[in-house]
Amino acid sequence: MTQKVAVLGTGKIGEALLSGMIRAGWGPADLLVTARRQERADELRDRYGVTPVTNAEAAKTADTLILTVKPQDMGTLLDELAPHVPADRLVISGAAGIPTSFFEERLAPGTPVVRVMTNTPALVDEAMSVISAGTHATEDHLTHTEELFGAVGKTLRVPESQQDACTALSGSGPAYFFYLVEAMTDAGILLGLPRDKAHDLIVQSAIGAATMLRDSGEHPVKLRENVTSPAGTTISAIRELENHGVRAALIAALEAARDRSRELASGNNS
């Protein structure tokens, strides 16, 4: 039997997931979408051939509900869904910082909930999606979630207690790399390069380095040492990074992101 999947609150990440599922072989006829604005719903229908519905219709019709609204809007959405979601529906949350217990308390007893933290490289099918089971989610539910999010990148299962750490490393992670590329581009301009050439040099270096990390099986220390000649240019640069506490700053930044994720989970949105 064909399963129907509904993406609720289809913004950028929701659309990336939707388009990835279609490329992976899901039929548009089995995909439902909801959007806050009618013109957005019409745009998704015209672009992908999917069916726009209301949140209540999605809850009644779909076998799997993927909730991609912002964390601050999740409570309102659940209030709308709760009367219509049977206990056998799989509910997948993509909202940062919100634990599965938040959903379980507001939906029918026994409703399976899976929490997913993905990131913006879903837009180019290179996401890292971290998956955690709620109290009632089974192995089949987790496998199904992996199939859905595997359409836009890699997946990894972790205990829910590790989700805040994963949010700090992976959910927010792309922003750190963009920040680093921005800073290195400015440095290239300072060194006399045009912005476009500095950008191309850094982006291709980043792609190459990431590919080596992924494919070589080598520890990053080993790969760094391979570039670092005695008394050479690289060790001079690394000495300055250490002198300025870059490693300590990164650790502190990730701890701050983790702590903010915990605050969001406790309901502190300020």
Protein backbone atom coordinates (compact mmCIF):
# COMPACT_ATOMS: atom_id res chain seq x y z
CA MET A 1 0.00 0.00 0.00
CA THR A 2 1.33 3.44 -0.94
CA GLN A 3 1.99 5.76 1.97
CA LYS A 4 0.97 9.40 1.86
CA VAL A 5 3.38 11.93 3.33
CA ALA A 6 2.45 15.50 4.25
CA VAL A 7 4.94 18.33 4.73
CA LEU A 8 3.39 20.95 6.98
CA GLY A 9 4.66 24.52 6.82
CA THR A 10 6.60 24.08 3.60
CA GLY A 11 9.35 26.70 3.71
CA LYS A 12 12.86 26.36 2.28
CA ILE A 13 13.82 23.21 4.18
CA GLY A 14 10.39 21.67 3.67
CA GLU A 15 10.56 22.35 -0.06
CA ALA A 16 14.10 20.94 -0.24
CA LEU A 17 12.86 17.74 1.40
CA LEU A 18 9.85 17.63 -0.92
CA SER A 19 11.91 18.02 -4.09
CA GLY A 20 14.46 15.48 -2.84
CA MET A 21 11.72 12.92 -2.20
CA ILE A 22 10.40 13.39 -5.72
CA ARG A 23 13.90 12.92 -7.19
CA ALA A 24 14.23 9.79 -5.04
CA GLY A 25 11.10 8.31 -6.62
CA TRP A 26 8.17 9.44 -4.49
CA GLY A 27 5.13 10.16 -6.61
CA PRO A 28 3.74 13.71 -6.37
CA ALA A 29 0.26 12.24 -6.01
CA ASP A 30 1.32 10.76 -2.66
CA LEU A 31 2.72 14.03 -1.33
CA LEU A 32 0.64 16.66 0.46
CA VAL A 33 1.77 20.14 1.48
CA THR A 34 0.49 22.92 3.68
CA ALA A 35 1.55 26.55 3.60
CA ARG A 36 0.50 29.65 5.48
CA ARG A 37 -0.22 31.62 2.29
CA GLN A 38 -2.40 30.40 -0.56
CA GLU A 39 -0.01 31.75 -3.20
CA ARG A 40 2.79 29.69 -1.67
CA ALA A 41 0.61 26.57 -1.76
CA ASP A 42 -0.26 27.24 -5.41
CA GLU A 43 3.44 27.71 -6.22
CA LEU A 44 4.33 24.32 -4.72
CA ARG A 45 1.48 22.62 -6.62
CA ASP A 46 2.53 24.16 -9.92
CA ARG A 47 6.23 23.43 -9.39
CA TYR A 48 6.02 19.83 -8.13
CA GLY A 49 2.53 18.55 -8.90
CA VAL A 50 1.81 17.96 -5.19
CA THR A 51 -1.54 18.53 -3.50
CA PRO A 52 -1.99 21.56 -1.20
CA VAL A 53 -4.30 20.86 1.76
CA THR A 54 -5.15 22.37 5.13
CA ASN A 55 -3.34 21.22 8.24
CA ALA A 56 -6.45 19.37 9.41
CA GLU A 57 -6.84 17.60 6.05
CA ALA A 58 -3.18 16.56 6.17
CA ALA A 59 -3.63 15.12 9.66
CA LYS A 60 -6.66 13.10 8.58
CA THR A 61 -5.25 11.88 5.26
CA ALA A 62 -1.49 11.37 5.45
CA ASP A 63 0.25 8.38 7.02
CA THR A 64 3.28 10.51 7.94
CA LEU A 65 3.29 14.15 9.01
CA ILE A 66 6.53 16.11 8.72
CA LEU A 67 6.28 19.33 10.73
CA THR A 68 8.69 21.97 9.42
CA VAL A 69 7.27 25.15 10.98
CA LYS A 70 9.41 27.40 13.18
CA PRO A 71 9.81 26.31 16.82
CA GLN A 72 7.80 29.27 18.11
CA ASP A 73 4.85 28.25 15.89
CA MET A 74 4.84 24.56 16.84
CA GLY A 75 2.50 24.83 19.83
CA THR A 76 -0.17 26.58 17.77
CA LEU A 77 0.16 24.00 14.99
CA LEU A 78 -0.21 21.10 17.43
CA ASP A 79 -3.33 22.67 18.93
CA GLU A 80 -4.78 22.70 15.42
CA LEU A 81 -3.67 19.15 14.60
CA ALA A 82 -4.43 17.34 17.87
CA PRO A 83 -8.15 16.71 17.28
CA HIS A 84 -7.43 15.14 13.89
CA VAL A 85 -4.26 13.04 14.39
CA PRO A 86 -4.97 9.34 15.08
CA ALA A 87 -2.54 7.54 17.37
CA ASP A 88 -1.14 5.50 14.47
CA ARG A 89 0.15 8.54 12.55
CA LEU A 90 3.92 9.00 12.45
CA VAL A 91 4.78 12.58 13.40
CA ILE A 92 8.25 13.83 12.44
CA SER A 93 9.41 17.11 13.93
CA GLY A 94 12.07 19.23 12.28
CA ALA A 95 11.91 22.01 14.88
CA ALA A 96 15.15 22.88 16.67
CA GLY A 97 15.20 22.45 20.42
CA ILE A 98 11.74 20.92 20.91
CA PRO A 99 11.78 17.47 22.56
CA THR A 100 9.55 14.60 21.49
CA SER A 101 7.77 14.79 24.87
CA PHE A 102 6.35 18.18 23.81
CA PHE A 103 4.48 16.44 20.98
CA GLU A 104 3.55 13.32 22.95
CA GLU A 105 1.87 15.43 25.63
CA ARG A 106 -0.29 17.23 23.06
CA LEU A 107 -1.23 14.37 20.74
CA ALA A 108 -3.20 11.16 21.23
CA PRO A 109 -1.60 8.70 23.69
CA GLY A 110 0.79 6.35 21.91
CA THR A 111 1.44 8.60 18.91
CA PRO A 112 4.89 7.80 17.48
CA VAL A 113 7.11 10.87 17.26
CA VAL A 114 10.57 11.13 15.68
CA ARG A 115 12.75 14.21 16.12
CA VAL A 116 15.01 15.28 13.25
CA MET A 117 17.63 18.02 13.16
CA THR A 118 18.62 18.67 9.56
CA ASN A 119 20.54 21.59 8.06
CA THR A 120 20.44 23.94 5.09
CA PRO A 121 22.64 21.84 2.76
CA ALA A 122 19.41 19.91 2.25
CA LEU A 123 18.92 22.52 -0.46
CA VAL A 124 21.73 20.85 -2.45
CA ASP A 125 21.12 17.25 -1.29
CA GLU A 126 24.09 17.37 1.11
CA ALA A 127 22.22 17.62 4.43
CA MET A 128 23.23 15.99 7.67
CA SER A 129 20.00 14.88 9.37
CA VAL A 130 20.17 13.63 12.94
CA ILE A 131 17.31 11.33 14.00
CA SER A 132 16.02 10.46 17.49
CA ALA A 133 13.10 8.27 18.52
CA GLY A 134 10.35 9.34 20.87
CA THR A 135 8.78 7.01 23.43
CA HIS A 136 6.47 5.23 20.98
CA ALA A 137 8.58 5.26 17.79
CA THR A 138 9.59 1.82 16.54
CA GLU A 139 12.42 0.59 14.33
CA ASP A 140 10.07 0.78 11.33
CA HIS A 141 9.33 4.43 12.12
CA LEU A 142 13.04 5.24 12.31
CA THR A 143 13.77 3.39 9.06
CA HIS A 144 10.97 5.26 7.31
CA THR A 145 12.33 8.58 8.60
CA GLU A 146 15.78 7.66 7.30
CA GLU A 147 14.31 6.94 3.88
CA LEU A 148 12.59 10.31 3.79
CA PHE A 149 15.55 12.42 4.90
CA GLY A 150 18.05 10.24 3.04
CA ALA A 151 16.62 11.84 -0.09
CA VAL A 152 18.47 15.08 0.75
CA GLY A 153 21.72 13.82 2.29
CA LYS A 154 23.08 11.61 5.07
CA THR A 155 21.28 10.52 8.23
CA LEU A 156 22.54 9.59 11.67
CA ARG A 157 20.67 8.13 14.65
CA VAL A 158 21.47 9.47 18.10
CA PRO A 159 19.80 9.33 21.54
CA GLU A 160 17.58 12.36 22.03
CA SER A 161 19.84 13.49 24.89
CA GLN A 162 22.49 14.26 22.24
CA GLN A 163 20.25 16.34 19.98
CA ASP A 164 21.28 19.70 21.47
CA ALA A 165 24.95 18.89 20.85
CA CYS A 166 24.13 17.82 17.28
CA THR A 167 22.22 21.05 16.75
CA ALA A 168 25.33 22.99 17.81
CA LEU A 169 27.67 21.02 15.56
CA SER A 170 25.55 20.20 12.53
CA GLY A 171 22.32 22.16 12.59
CA SER A 172 24.16 25.46 12.99
CA GLY A 173 27.38 24.10 11.49
CA PRO A 174 27.05 25.44 7.92
CA ALA A 175 26.92 28.99 9.29
CA TYR A 176 30.34 28.56 10.92
CA PHE A 177 31.87 27.53 7.60
CA PHE A 178 30.19 30.43 5.79
CA TYR A 179 31.58 32.75 8.47
CA LEU A 180 35.08 31.30 8.01
CA VAL A 181 34.89 31.68 4.22
CA GLU A 182 33.73 35.27 4.66
CA ALA A 183 36.70 36.04 6.93
CA MET A 184 39.19 34.30 4.62
CA THR A 185 37.81 36.19 1.62
CA ASP A 186 38.35 39.48 3.43
CA ALA A 187 41.90 38.34 4.20
CA GLY A 188 42.45 37.55 0.52
CA ILE A 189 41.34 41.07 -0.41
CA LEU A 190 43.71 42.50 2.20
CA LEU A 191 46.50 40.45 0.62
CA GLY A 192 45.77 42.03 -2.76
CA LEU A 193 43.42 39.59 -4.50
CA PRO A 194 40.14 40.58 -6.19
CA ARG A 195 37.10 39.38 -4.24
CA ASP A 196 35.92 36.95 -6.91
CA LYS A 197 39.31 35.25 -7.17
CA ALA A 198 39.70 35.05 -3.39
CA HIS A 199 36.23 33.54 -3.16
CA ASP A 200 36.95 30.90 -5.83
CA LEU A 201 40.25 29.93 -4.22
CA ILE A 202 38.70 29.48 -0.79
CA VAL A 203 35.53 27.69 -1.87
CA GLN A 204 37.41 25.13 -3.96
CA SER A 205 39.91 24.63 -1.13
CA ALA A 206 37.00 24.00 1.23
CA ILE A 207 35.38 21.51 -1.16
CA GLY A 208 38.67 19.68 -1.65
CA ALA A 209 39.44 19.57 2.07
CA ALA A 210 35.94 18.31 2.92
CA THR A 211 36.18 15.61 0.25
CA MET A 212 39.52 14.45 1.64
CA LEU A 213 38.09 14.32 5.16
CA ARG A 214 35.13 12.27 3.93
CA ASP A 215 36.92 9.89 1.60
CA SER A 216 40.45 9.39 2.91
CA GLY A 217 39.64 7.89 6.32
CA GLU A 218 42.52 9.92 7.77
CA HIS A 219 42.31 11.86 11.03
CA PRO A 220 42.15 15.64 10.44
CA VAL A 221 45.40 16.05 12.38
CA LYS A 222 47.15 13.76 9.89
CA LEU A 223 45.72 15.63 6.92
CA ARG A 224 46.76 18.96 8.43
CA GLU A 225 50.27 17.68 9.12
CA ASN A 226 50.56 16.63 5.47
CA VAL A 227 50.21 20.30 4.51
CA THR A 228 52.42 21.65 7.28
CA SER A 229 56.11 21.79 6.34
CA PRO A 230 58.79 22.65 8.93
CA ALA A 231 59.27 26.42 9.17
CA GLY A 232 56.84 26.88 6.28
CA THR A 233 53.89 29.12 5.52
CA THR A 234 51.19 26.86 6.97
CA ILE A 235 52.75 26.47 10.42
CA SER A 236 53.21 30.24 10.61
CA ALA A 237 49.50 30.71 9.96
CA ILE A 238 48.49 28.00 12.44
CA ARG A 239 50.69 29.59 15.12
CA GLU A 240 48.72 32.82 14.70
CA LEU A 241 45.41 30.94 14.93
CA GLU A 242 46.56 29.36 18.19
CA ASN A 243 47.90 32.69 19.50
CA HIS A 244 44.46 34.23 18.92
CA GLY A 245 42.63 31.38 20.65
CA VAL A 246 40.65 30.23 17.61
CA ARG A 247 40.34 26.67 18.91
CA ALA A 248 39.07 27.85 22.30
CA ALA A 249 36.69 30.30 20.62
CA LEU A 250 35.19 27.50 18.50
CA ILE A 251 34.63 25.32 21.55
CA ALA A 252 32.98 28.22 23.39
CA ALA A 253 30.81 29.01 20.37
CA LEU A 254 29.55 25.43 20.12
CA GLU A 255 28.81 25.35 23.83
CA ALA A 256 26.80 28.57 23.44
CA ALA A 257 24.79 27.05 20.57
CA ARG A 258 24.11 23.91 22.61
CA ASP A 259 22.99 25.98 25.60
CA ARG A 260 20.64 28.04 23.43
CA SER A 261 19.13 24.84 22.04
CA ARG A 262 18.44 23.76 25.62
CA GLU A 263 16.83 27.12 26.36
CA LEU A 264 14.54 26.73 23.37
CA ALA A 265 13.55 23.30 24.60
CA SER A 266 12.57 24.79 27.96
CA GLY A 267 10.38 27.39 26.27
CA ASN A 268 12.69 30.39 26.53
CA ASN A 269 12.31 32.10 23.14
CA SER A 270 13.58 35.51 24.21
